[in-house]
N, C-alpha and C. Protein backbone atom coordinates (compact mmCIF):
# COMPACT_ATOMS: atom_id res chain seq x y z
N UNK A 1 -44.35 -1.60 4.23
CA UNK A 1 -43.43 -2.46 3.68
C UNK A 1 -42.80 -3.37 4.59
N UNK A 2 -42.97 -2.73 5.78
CA UNK A 2 -42.13 -3.81 6.69
C UNK A 2 -43.09 -4.96 7.01
N UNK A 3 -44.42 -4.70 6.96
CA UNK A 3 -45.26 -5.80 7.10
C UNK A 3 -45.13 -6.82 6.29
N UNK A 4 -44.62 -6.42 4.87
CA UNK A 4 -44.58 -7.45 3.96
C UNK A 4 -43.07 -8.34 4.20
N UNK A 5 -42.36 -7.88 4.71
CA UNK A 5 -41.18 -8.28 4.86
C UNK A 5 -41.20 -9.38 6.37
N UNK A 6 -41.95 -9.24 7.31
CA UNK A 6 -42.37 -9.73 8.17
C UNK A 6 -43.24 -11.14 7.76
N UNK A 7 -44.23 -10.97 6.68
CA UNK A 7 -45.09 -11.88 6.37
C UNK A 7 -44.18 -12.97 5.38
N UNK A 8 -43.52 -12.33 4.63
CA UNK A 8 -42.41 -13.29 3.87
C UNK A 8 -41.69 -14.25 4.60
N UNK A 9 -41.09 -13.54 5.62
CA UNK A 9 -40.13 -14.13 6.53
C UNK A 9 -40.78 -15.53 7.23
N UNK A 10 -42.09 -14.75 8.06
CA UNK A 10 -43.00 -15.68 8.76
C UNK A 10 -43.40 -17.04 7.89
N UNK A 11 -43.76 -16.73 6.44
CA UNK A 11 -43.86 -17.75 5.70
C UNK A 11 -43.00 -18.86 5.40
N UNK A 12 -41.83 -18.34 5.17
CA UNK A 12 -40.57 -19.25 4.98
C UNK A 12 -40.21 -20.15 6.34
N UNK A 13 -40.60 -19.39 7.42
CA UNK A 13 -40.54 -20.06 8.76
C UNK A 13 -41.41 -21.39 8.50
N UNK A 14 -42.73 -20.79 8.42
CA UNK A 14 -43.60 -22.20 8.47
C UNK A 14 -43.29 -23.22 7.24
N UNK A 15 -42.77 -22.90 6.28
CA UNK A 15 -42.66 -23.97 5.30
C UNK A 15 -41.46 -24.83 5.73
N UNK A 16 -40.40 -24.11 6.34
CA UNK A 16 -39.00 -24.66 7.00
C UNK A 16 -39.86 -25.85 8.34
N UNK A 17 -40.63 -25.50 9.00
CA UNK A 17 -41.04 -26.38 10.14
C UNK A 17 -41.94 -27.35 9.31
N UNK A 18 -42.58 -27.32 8.43
CA UNK A 18 -43.37 -28.46 7.94
C UNK A 18 -42.33 -29.20 7.21
N UNK A 19 -41.42 -28.95 6.35
CA UNK A 19 -40.13 -29.62 6.11
C UNK A 19 -39.66 -30.59 7.13
N UNK A 20 -39.35 -29.84 8.12
CA UNK A 20 -38.70 -30.66 9.12
C UNK A 20 -39.66 -31.72 9.93
N UNK A 21 -40.77 -31.33 9.87
CA UNK A 21 -41.79 -32.31 10.62
C UNK A 21 -42.08 -33.54 9.44
N UNK A 22 -41.60 -33.16 8.07
CA UNK A 22 -41.91 -34.43 7.22
C UNK A 22 -40.71 -35.33 6.92
N UNK A 23 -39.38 -34.57 7.01
CA UNK A 23 -38.01 -35.31 6.73
C UNK A 23 -37.92 -36.36 7.64
N UNK A 24 -37.13 -37.59 6.96
CA UNK A 24 -36.65 -38.40 8.35
C UNK A 24 -35.18 -38.57 7.99
N UNK A 25 -34.61 -37.56 7.29
CA UNK A 25 -33.03 -37.72 7.11
C UNK A 25 -32.58 -36.62 8.26
N UNK A 26 -31.97 -36.91 9.24
CA UNK A 26 -31.69 -36.00 10.29
C UNK A 26 -30.73 -35.09 9.88
N UNK A 27 -29.89 -35.26 9.10
CA UNK A 27 -28.95 -34.14 8.47
C UNK A 27 -29.49 -32.84 7.86
N UNK A 28 -30.57 -33.51 6.95
CA UNK A 28 -31.54 -32.42 6.42
C UNK A 28 -32.50 -31.52 7.41
N UNK A 29 -32.63 -32.31 8.63
CA UNK A 29 -33.23 -31.78 9.54
C UNK A 29 -32.83 -30.57 10.43
N UNK A 30 -31.28 -30.99 10.36
CA UNK A 30 -30.53 -30.43 11.23
C UNK A 30 -30.01 -29.03 10.43
N UNK A 31 -29.81 -29.20 9.18
CA UNK A 31 -29.61 -28.08 8.39
C UNK A 31 -30.87 -26.91 8.29
N UNK A 32 -32.04 -27.71 8.11
CA UNK A 32 -33.23 -26.81 8.09
C UNK A 32 -33.57 -25.96 9.82
N UNK A 33 -32.86 -26.80 10.60
CA UNK A 33 -33.06 -26.11 12.06
C UNK A 33 -32.25 -24.88 11.88
N UNK A 34 -31.21 -25.00 11.37
CA UNK A 34 -30.27 -23.77 10.97
C UNK A 34 -30.44 -22.57 10.09
N UNK A 35 -31.39 -23.19 9.38
CA UNK A 35 -32.22 -21.98 8.49
C UNK A 35 -33.33 -21.22 9.16
N UNK A 36 -34.05 -22.27 9.96
CA UNK A 36 -34.96 -21.57 10.72
C UNK A 36 -34.64 -20.56 11.80
N UNK A 37 -33.45 -20.89 12.52
CA UNK A 37 -32.79 -19.84 13.63
C UNK A 37 -32.32 -18.68 12.65
N UNK A 38 -31.92 -18.65 11.61
CA UNK A 38 -31.52 -17.55 10.82
C UNK A 38 -32.43 -16.72 10.40
N UNK A 39 -33.94 -17.35 10.01
CA UNK A 39 -35.07 -16.67 9.86
C UNK A 39 -35.46 -16.03 11.17
N UNK A 40 -35.68 -16.50 11.98
CA UNK A 40 -35.64 -15.86 13.42
C UNK A 40 -34.79 -14.86 13.81
N UNK A 41 -33.67 -14.73 13.51
CA UNK A 41 -32.74 -13.96 13.86
C UNK A 41 -33.30 -12.60 12.97
N UNK A 42 -33.67 -12.99 11.45
CA UNK A 42 -33.86 -11.95 10.69
C UNK A 42 -34.98 -11.05 11.09
N UNK A 43 -36.21 -11.87 11.85
CA UNK A 43 -37.31 -11.23 12.36
C UNK A 43 -37.00 -10.51 13.27
N UNK A 44 -36.03 -10.90 14.25
CA UNK A 44 -35.69 -9.94 15.20
C UNK A 44 -35.15 -8.58 14.98
N UNK A 45 -34.43 -8.91 13.82
CA UNK A 45 -33.48 -7.74 13.19
C UNK A 45 -34.57 -6.71 12.86
N UNK A 46 -35.73 -7.26 12.26
CA UNK A 46 -36.76 -6.25 11.54
C UNK A 46 -37.64 -5.65 12.85
N UNK A 47 -37.66 -6.57 13.80
CA UNK A 47 -38.14 -5.78 14.82
C UNK A 47 -37.19 -4.93 15.95
N UNK A 48 -36.17 -4.55 15.45
CA UNK A 48 -35.00 -3.83 16.21
C UNK A 48 -34.73 -4.53 17.55
N UNK A 49 -34.59 -5.92 17.48
CA UNK A 49 -34.10 -6.61 18.72
C UNK A 49 -32.68 -7.41 18.33
N UNK A 50 -31.81 -6.20 17.89
CA UNK A 50 -30.57 -6.69 17.17
C UNK A 50 -29.86 -7.79 18.29
N UNK A 51 -29.56 -7.39 19.62
CA UNK A 51 -28.86 -8.34 20.34
C UNK A 51 -29.73 -9.70 20.36
N UNK A 52 -31.15 -9.64 20.74
CA UNK A 52 -31.75 -10.96 20.32
C UNK A 52 -31.11 -11.59 19.06
N UNK A 53 -30.91 -11.08 18.09
CA UNK A 53 -30.66 -11.51 16.75
C UNK A 53 -29.37 -11.91 16.70
N UNK A 54 -28.49 -11.47 17.38
CA UNK A 54 -27.21 -12.07 17.34
C UNK A 54 -27.15 -13.27 18.27
N UNK A 55 -27.75 -13.33 19.30
CA UNK A 55 -27.79 -14.38 20.29
C UNK A 55 -28.41 -15.66 19.51
N UNK A 56 -29.43 -15.23 18.94
CA UNK A 56 -30.36 -16.43 18.06
C UNK A 56 -29.64 -16.81 16.90
N UNK A 57 -28.69 -16.14 16.23
CA UNK A 57 -27.94 -16.53 15.16
C UNK A 57 -26.52 -17.40 15.65
N UNK A 58 -25.88 -16.75 16.87
CA UNK A 58 -24.98 -17.62 17.33
C UNK A 58 -25.46 -18.98 17.91
N UNK A 59 -26.46 -18.80 18.93
CA UNK A 59 -26.54 -20.09 19.47
C UNK A 59 -27.45 -21.06 18.86
N UNK A 60 -28.39 -20.43 17.85
CA UNK A 60 -29.30 -21.16 17.26
C UNK A 60 -28.75 -21.98 16.11
N UNK A 61 -28.15 -20.93 15.07
CA UNK A 61 -27.89 -21.48 14.04
C UNK A 61 -26.28 -21.81 13.90
N UNK A 62 -25.53 -21.25 15.14
CA UNK A 62 -24.33 -21.78 14.85
C UNK A 62 -23.81 -22.67 15.84
N UNK A 63 -24.01 -22.72 17.29
CA UNK A 63 -23.65 -23.65 18.19
C UNK A 63 -24.21 -25.05 17.76
N UNK A 64 -26.02 -24.88 18.09
CA UNK A 64 -26.54 -25.87 18.19
C UNK A 64 -26.18 -26.70 16.84
N UNK A 65 -26.44 -26.21 15.40
CA UNK A 65 -26.14 -26.90 14.26
C UNK A 65 -24.63 -27.72 14.38
N UNK A 66 -23.84 -27.03 14.82
CA UNK A 66 -22.37 -27.77 15.34
C UNK A 66 -22.63 -28.93 16.20
N UNK A 67 -23.36 -28.71 17.41
CA UNK A 67 -23.47 -29.75 18.29
C UNK A 67 -24.39 -30.92 17.56
N UNK A 68 -25.39 -30.40 17.10
CA UNK A 68 -26.20 -31.43 16.30
C UNK A 68 -25.47 -32.25 14.98
N UNK A 69 -24.54 -31.76 14.35
CA UNK A 69 -23.85 -32.56 13.44
C UNK A 69 -22.68 -33.22 14.18
N UNK A 70 -22.21 -32.92 15.05
CA UNK A 70 -21.11 -33.82 15.77
C UNK A 70 -22.11 -35.06 16.49
N UNK A 71 -23.21 -34.64 16.86
CA UNK A 71 -24.18 -36.02 17.44
C UNK A 71 -24.38 -36.73 16.16
N UNK A 72 -24.70 -36.18 15.31
CA UNK A 72 -25.03 -37.17 14.04
C UNK A 72 -23.77 -37.94 13.39
N UNK A 73 -22.65 -37.32 13.25
CA UNK A 73 -21.46 -38.27 12.96
C UNK A 73 -21.33 -39.45 13.72
N UNK A 74 -21.65 -39.30 15.18
CA UNK A 74 -21.36 -40.17 16.32
C UNK A 74 -22.46 -41.55 16.31
N UNK A 75 -23.87 -41.02 15.50
CA UNK A 75 -25.00 -41.89 15.44
C UNK A 75 -25.62 -42.17 14.35
N UNK A 76 -26.58 -42.09 14.10
CA UNK A 76 -27.34 -42.55 12.84
C UNK A 76 -27.76 -41.27 12.14
N UNK A 77 -28.04 -41.22 10.93
CA UNK A 77 -28.53 -40.03 10.09
C UNK A 77 -30.16 -40.13 9.68
N UNK A 78 -30.19 -41.39 9.64
CA UNK A 78 -32.05 -41.76 9.60
C UNK A 78 -32.92 -41.95 10.77
N UNK A 79 -33.94 -41.13 10.75
CA UNK A 79 -34.79 -41.21 11.89
C UNK A 79 -35.62 -42.68 12.11
N UNK A 80 -35.59 -43.24 12.88
CA UNK A 80 -36.47 -44.72 13.11
C UNK A 80 -37.67 -44.47 12.93
N UNK A 81 -38.65 -45.46 12.33
CA UNK A 81 -40.04 -45.51 12.38
C UNK A 81 -40.59 -45.30 13.61
N UNK A 82 -41.61 -44.34 13.99
CA UNK A 82 -42.15 -44.37 15.24
C UNK A 82 -42.99 -45.85 15.84
N UNK A 83 -42.87 -46.21 16.87
CA UNK A 83 -43.31 -47.43 17.28
C UNK A 83 -44.87 -47.06 17.70
N UNK A 84 -45.44 -45.74 18.22
CA UNK A 84 -46.52 -45.53 18.62
C UNK A 84 -47.32 -44.50 17.22
N UNK A 85 -48.45 -44.28 17.63
CA UNK A 85 -49.02 -43.10 16.58
C UNK A 85 -48.56 -41.74 17.21
N UNK A 86 -48.60 -40.75 16.36
CA UNK A 86 -48.14 -39.57 17.09
C UNK A 86 -49.55 -38.61 17.41
N UNK A 87 -50.63 -39.27 17.71
CA UNK A 87 -51.68 -38.63 18.34
C UNK A 87 -51.44 -38.03 19.68
N UNK A 88 -50.78 -38.44 20.63
CA UNK A 88 -50.42 -37.67 21.90
C UNK A 88 -49.71 -36.72 21.85
N UNK A 89 -48.45 -36.72 21.14
CA UNK A 89 -47.61 -35.64 20.89
C UNK A 89 -48.43 -34.49 20.49
N UNK A 90 -49.14 -35.25 19.24
CA UNK A 90 -49.93 -33.85 18.54
C UNK A 90 -50.85 -33.08 19.53
N UNK A 91 -51.69 -33.89 20.25
CA UNK A 91 -52.33 -32.88 21.58
C UNK A 91 -51.73 -32.34 22.25
N UNK A 92 -50.67 -32.69 22.67
CA UNK A 92 -49.84 -31.76 23.69
C UNK A 92 -49.23 -30.63 23.31
N UNK A 93 -48.76 -30.57 21.76
CA UNK A 93 -48.51 -29.48 21.30
C UNK A 93 -49.32 -28.55 20.98
N UNK A 94 -51.03 -29.04 20.37
CA UNK A 94 -51.90 -28.27 20.13
C UNK A 94 -52.39 -27.46 21.45
N UNK A 95 -52.30 -28.05 22.65
CA UNK A 95 -52.75 -27.56 23.92
C UNK A 95 -51.77 -26.49 24.29
N UNK A 96 -50.70 -26.85 24.17
CA UNK A 96 -49.28 -26.02 24.37
C UNK A 96 -49.33 -24.61 23.64
N UNK A 97 -49.69 -24.83 22.32
CA UNK A 97 -49.77 -23.88 21.55
C UNK A 97 -50.92 -22.72 21.91
N UNK A 98 -51.74 -23.42 22.20
CA UNK A 98 -53.49 -22.69 22.56
C UNK A 98 -52.95 -21.86 24.22
N UNK A 99 -52.45 -22.47 24.88
CA UNK A 99 -51.79 -22.01 26.15
C UNK A 99 -51.05 -20.76 25.96
N UNK A 100 -50.22 -20.73 24.77
CA UNK A 100 -49.33 -19.68 24.55
C UNK A 100 -50.04 -18.69 23.87
N UNK A 101 -50.78 -18.88 23.14
CA UNK A 101 -51.63 -17.90 22.10
C UNK A 101 -52.44 -17.04 23.23
N UNK A 102 -53.15 -17.89 24.50
CA UNK A 102 -54.21 -17.24 25.29
C UNK A 102 -53.10 -16.46 26.43
N UNK A 103 -51.68 -16.53 26.30
CA UNK A 103 -50.82 -15.96 27.30
C UNK A 103 -50.59 -14.63 26.25
N UNK A 104 -50.66 -14.53 25.03
CA UNK A 104 -50.40 -13.16 24.46
C UNK A 104 -51.55 -12.37 24.24
N UNK A 105 -52.21 -12.76 24.58
CA UNK A 105 -53.52 -11.88 24.43
C UNK A 105 -53.76 -10.74 25.34
N UNK A 106 -53.01 -10.96 26.28
CA UNK A 106 -52.78 -10.07 27.72
C UNK A 106 -51.68 -8.93 27.42
N UNK A 107 -50.82 -9.16 26.57
CA UNK A 107 -49.77 -8.62 26.08
C UNK A 107 -50.07 -7.25 25.43
N UNK A 108 -48.97 -6.38 25.56
CA UNK A 108 -49.20 -4.77 25.22
C UNK A 108 -49.06 -5.18 23.57
N UNK A 109 -49.56 -4.08 22.90
CA UNK A 109 -49.68 -3.87 21.32
C UNK A 109 -48.06 -3.84 21.04
N UNK A 110 -47.45 -4.29 20.09
CA UNK A 110 -45.95 -4.20 19.71
C UNK A 110 -45.67 -2.63 19.45
N UNK A 111 -44.71 -1.83 20.21
CA UNK A 111 -44.49 -0.68 19.94
C UNK A 111 -45.50 0.32 20.52
N UNK A 112 -46.41 0.10 21.39
CA UNK A 112 -47.06 0.98 22.06
C UNK A 112 -46.46 1.46 22.92
N UNK A 113 -46.59 3.12 22.72
CA UNK A 113 -45.57 3.80 23.87
C UNK A 113 -46.67 3.91 25.13
N UNK A 114 -47.33 3.30 25.07
CA UNK A 114 -48.31 3.21 26.85
C UNK A 114 -47.81 2.23 27.18
N UNK A 115 -47.14 1.16 26.67
CA UNK A 115 -47.16 -0.16 27.51
C UNK A 115 -46.11 0.29 28.71
N UNK A 116 -46.33 -0.95 29.55
CA UNK A 116 -45.66 -0.51 30.72
C UNK A 116 -44.16 -0.60 30.72
N UNK A 117 -43.53 -1.48 29.98
CA UNK A 117 -42.14 -1.56 29.57
C UNK A 117 -41.88 0.12 29.25
N UNK A 118 -42.30 0.90 28.10
CA UNK A 118 -42.07 2.28 28.02
C UNK A 118 -42.27 3.12 28.91
N UNK A 119 -43.25 2.91 30.13
CA UNK A 119 -43.50 3.89 30.73
C UNK A 119 -42.73 3.88 32.11
N UNK A 120 -41.99 2.75 32.28
CA UNK A 120 -41.30 2.57 33.51
C UNK A 120 -39.67 2.37 33.22
N UNK A 121 -39.44 0.96 32.24
CA UNK A 121 -37.92 0.72 32.26
C UNK A 121 -37.18 1.66 31.30
N UNK A 122 -37.80 1.95 29.92
CA UNK A 122 -37.02 2.82 29.22
C UNK A 122 -36.83 3.97 29.59
N UNK A 123 -37.64 4.67 30.42
CA UNK A 123 -37.18 6.13 30.64
C UNK A 123 -36.32 6.10 31.99
N UNK A 124 -36.04 4.79 32.97
CA UNK A 124 -35.15 4.71 33.66
C UNK A 124 -33.95 4.62 33.07
N UNK A 125 -33.62 3.75 32.04
CA UNK A 125 -32.38 3.47 31.33
C UNK A 125 -32.07 4.81 30.68
N UNK A 126 -32.61 5.36 29.83
CA UNK A 126 -32.49 6.78 29.43
C UNK A 126 -31.94 7.70 30.28
N UNK A 127 -32.59 7.97 31.62
CA UNK A 127 -32.08 8.99 32.50
C UNK A 127 -30.47 8.56 33.30
N UNK A 128 -30.65 7.31 33.37
CA UNK A 128 -29.66 6.91 34.75
C UNK A 128 -28.67 5.96 34.29
N UNK A 129 -28.80 5.88 32.62
CA UNK A 129 -27.39 4.95 32.14
C UNK A 129 -26.32 5.54 32.39
N UNK A 130 -25.84 6.54 32.05
CA UNK A 130 -24.65 7.49 32.03
C UNK A 130 -24.04 7.39 33.46
N UNK A 131 -25.00 7.77 34.43
CA UNK A 131 -24.74 7.88 35.80
C UNK A 131 -24.33 6.61 36.23
N UNK A 132 -25.08 5.52 35.99
CA UNK A 132 -24.75 4.30 36.83
C UNK A 132 -23.77 3.68 36.05
N UNK A 133 -23.38 3.79 34.93
CA UNK A 133 -22.47 2.82 34.33
C UNK A 133 -21.24 3.28 33.73
N UNK A 134 -21.32 4.85 33.44
CA UNK A 134 -20.44 5.59 32.72
C UNK A 134 -20.22 5.31 31.19
N UNK A 135 -21.23 4.55 30.83
CA UNK A 135 -21.22 4.20 29.16
C UNK A 135 -22.10 5.32 28.51
N UNK A 136 -21.62 5.79 27.49
CA UNK A 136 -22.63 6.95 26.89
C UNK A 136 -23.66 6.30 26.11
N UNK A 137 -23.44 5.10 25.45
CA UNK A 137 -24.23 4.50 24.75
C UNK A 137 -25.37 3.63 25.46
N UNK A 138 -26.80 3.84 25.27
CA UNK A 138 -27.90 2.98 26.11
C UNK A 138 -27.74 1.70 25.78
N UNK A 139 -27.57 1.40 24.64
CA UNK A 139 -28.03 0.00 24.29
C UNK A 139 -26.52 -0.68 24.71
N UNK A 140 -25.47 -0.21 24.51
CA UNK A 140 -24.15 -0.89 24.99
C UNK A 140 -24.40 -1.44 26.59
N UNK A 141 -24.78 -0.05 27.12
CA UNK A 141 -25.01 -0.19 28.78
C UNK A 141 -25.88 -1.36 29.28
N UNK A 142 -27.09 -1.27 28.51
CA UNK A 142 -27.94 -2.37 28.63
C UNK A 142 -27.41 -3.58 28.68
N UNK A 143 -26.90 -4.03 27.57
CA UNK A 143 -26.42 -5.20 27.29
C UNK A 143 -24.93 -5.52 28.26
N UNK A 144 -24.26 -4.77 28.37
CA UNK A 144 -22.84 -4.90 29.08
C UNK A 144 -23.07 -4.82 30.67
N UNK A 145 -23.81 -4.03 30.96
CA UNK A 145 -23.80 -3.83 32.37
C UNK A 145 -25.24 -4.32 33.10
N UNK A 146 -26.47 -3.70 32.76
CA UNK A 146 -27.56 -4.19 33.19
C UNK A 146 -28.04 -5.72 33.09
N UNK A 147 -27.54 -6.17 31.70
CA UNK A 147 -27.86 -7.49 31.61
C UNK A 147 -26.75 -8.55 31.53
N UNK A 148 -25.72 -8.18 32.32
CA UNK A 148 -24.81 -9.03 32.40
C UNK A 148 -24.90 -10.09 33.09
N UNK A 149 -25.91 -10.35 33.87
CA UNK A 149 -26.07 -11.80 34.58
C UNK A 149 -26.93 -12.35 33.79
N UNK A 150 -27.53 -11.93 32.63
CA UNK A 150 -28.42 -12.44 31.67
C UNK A 150 -27.34 -13.10 30.91
N UNK A 151 -26.52 -12.63 30.09
CA UNK A 151 -25.54 -13.03 29.32
C UNK A 151 -24.67 -13.86 30.08
N UNK A 152 -24.35 -13.83 31.10
CA UNK A 152 -23.49 -14.79 32.04
C UNK A 152 -24.36 -16.42 32.06
N UNK A 153 -25.68 -16.28 32.19
CA UNK A 153 -26.80 -17.22 32.23
C UNK A 153 -26.75 -18.05 30.79
N UNK A 154 -26.94 -17.13 29.91
CA UNK A 154 -27.04 -17.66 28.48
C UNK A 154 -25.75 -18.48 28.10
N UNK A 155 -24.44 -17.95 28.58
CA UNK A 155 -22.98 -18.56 28.33
C UNK A 155 -23.03 -19.64 29.23
N UNK A 156 -23.81 -20.07 30.57
CA UNK A 156 -24.01 -21.05 31.30
C UNK A 156 -24.67 -21.99 30.71
N UNK A 157 -25.77 -21.82 29.98
CA UNK A 157 -26.95 -22.57 29.19
C UNK A 157 -26.07 -23.19 28.24
N UNK A 158 -25.26 -22.77 27.38
CA UNK A 158 -24.65 -23.45 26.37
C UNK A 158 -23.29 -24.13 26.89
N UNK A 159 -22.55 -23.70 27.88
CA UNK A 159 -21.70 -24.78 28.44
C UNK A 159 -22.23 -26.02 28.74
N UNK A 160 -23.34 -25.88 29.63
CA UNK A 160 -24.03 -27.08 30.44
C UNK A 160 -24.50 -28.12 28.96
N UNK A 161 -25.22 -27.42 27.91
CA UNK A 161 -25.62 -28.33 26.64
C UNK A 161 -24.27 -29.14 26.45
N UNK A 162 -23.41 -28.23 26.21
CA UNK A 162 -21.90 -28.90 25.32
C UNK A 162 -21.69 -29.96 26.30
N UNK A 163 -21.41 -29.73 27.45
CA UNK A 163 -21.11 -30.77 28.54
C UNK A 163 -22.30 -32.05 28.31
N UNK A 164 -23.31 -31.63 28.42
CA UNK A 164 -24.51 -32.87 28.24
C UNK A 164 -24.14 -33.66 26.96
N UNK A 165 -23.90 -32.86 25.84
CA UNK A 165 -23.77 -33.92 24.60
C UNK A 165 -22.52 -34.64 24.68
N UNK A 166 -21.70 -33.98 25.20
CA UNK A 166 -20.27 -34.92 25.42
C UNK A 166 -20.58 -35.99 26.31
N UNK A 167 -21.28 -35.77 27.23
CA UNK A 167 -21.43 -37.00 28.44
C UNK A 167 -22.50 -37.89 27.52
N UNK A 168 -23.44 -37.66 26.77
CA UNK A 168 -24.50 -38.69 26.12
C UNK A 168 -23.73 -39.30 25.25
N UNK A 169 -22.60 -38.64 24.63
CA UNK A 169 -22.34 -39.34 23.46
C UNK A 169 -20.86 -39.73 23.95
N UNK A 170 -20.55 -40.07 25.23
CA UNK A 170 -19.13 -40.47 25.72
C UNK A 170 -18.92 -41.92 25.39
N UNK A 171 -19.79 -42.59 24.70
CA UNK A 171 -19.24 -43.82 24.07
C UNK A 171 -18.08 -44.15 23.68
N UNK A 172 -17.48 -43.00 22.90
CA UNK A 172 -16.23 -43.24 22.62
C UNK A 172 -15.00 -43.42 23.70
N UNK A 173 -15.28 -43.12 24.47
CA UNK A 173 -14.30 -43.27 26.10
C UNK A 173 -14.34 -44.59 25.95
N UNK A 174 -15.43 -45.35 25.89
CA UNK A 174 -15.46 -47.01 26.28
C UNK A 174 -15.21 -47.57 25.29
N UNK A 175 -14.35 -47.35 24.18
CA UNK A 175 -13.75 -48.02 22.90
C UNK A 175 -14.88 -48.10 21.84
N UNK A 176 -16.28 -47.67 21.84
CA UNK A 176 -17.06 -48.21 20.92
C UNK A 176 -17.20 -47.14 19.74
N UNK A 177 -16.41 -47.47 18.70
CA UNK A 177 -16.47 -46.79 17.61
C UNK A 177 -17.83 -46.59 16.87
N UNK A 178 -17.87 -45.12 15.97
CA UNK A 178 -19.15 -45.15 15.41
C UNK A 178 -19.52 -46.04 14.30
N UNK A 179 -18.50 -46.67 13.83
CA UNK A 179 -18.49 -47.84 12.55
C UNK A 179 -19.55 -49.07 13.27
N UNK A 180 -18.83 -49.31 14.43
CA UNK A 180 -19.36 -50.46 15.10
C UNK A 180 -20.79 -50.23 15.64
N UNK A 181 -21.18 -49.07 16.12
CA UNK A 181 -22.28 -48.93 16.40
C UNK A 181 -23.46 -48.88 15.38
N UNK A 182 -23.05 -48.43 14.33
CA UNK A 182 -23.90 -48.36 12.84
C UNK A 182 -24.19 -49.61 12.69
N UNK A 183 -23.10 -50.61 12.63
CA UNK A 183 -23.34 -51.78 12.39
C UNK A 183 -24.23 -52.54 13.05
N UNK A 184 -24.31 -52.07 14.69
CA UNK A 184 -25.16 -52.70 15.50
C UNK A 184 -26.50 -52.27 15.25
N UNK A 185 -26.92 -50.95 14.70
CA UNK A 185 -28.03 -50.52 14.42
C UNK A 185 -28.76 -51.04 13.16
N UNK A 186 -28.02 -51.55 12.36
CA UNK A 186 -28.58 -52.16 11.04
C UNK A 186 -29.00 -53.48 11.07
N UNK A 187 -28.51 -54.29 12.20
CA UNK A 187 -28.73 -55.40 12.54
C UNK A 187 -30.05 -55.83 12.94
């Protein structure tokens, strides 16, 4: 049954990606991007990676969508026609995808109890969590203590992205209104 849920969610993710690639309305693209993030979060939940699902839902579907909508409020909603053929980006995406698929060939089978992570890392956490952190719940200890710097890094990335958007859209500080900018784009 779990395999069917994975297949259905992955099918919806693929449909969402194709819709994103075909649309010219950027607001619809942003909304579909949020839907894609929620679908990815649900895949993570099915794979028992709830912490990653929380991060994906909050950052991918939450903060990113809000930042994109804020950007669209200050810019235009319709994508301009490309001046070049999309052949080069397609080739780059295909090569990148092939390299990523090649990289997964060496990965351990999902859920394999003989994988290196299950041989070294998991027993270490199970044996030493209470002694090192004083937290009886292993999952909480991993997220709050062992991965504390990782969480700090994620917050730093989100903060930096927000500052970047503010700096990129800083034209409002120079007195250029969104309506003036839209009129200039139409001409």
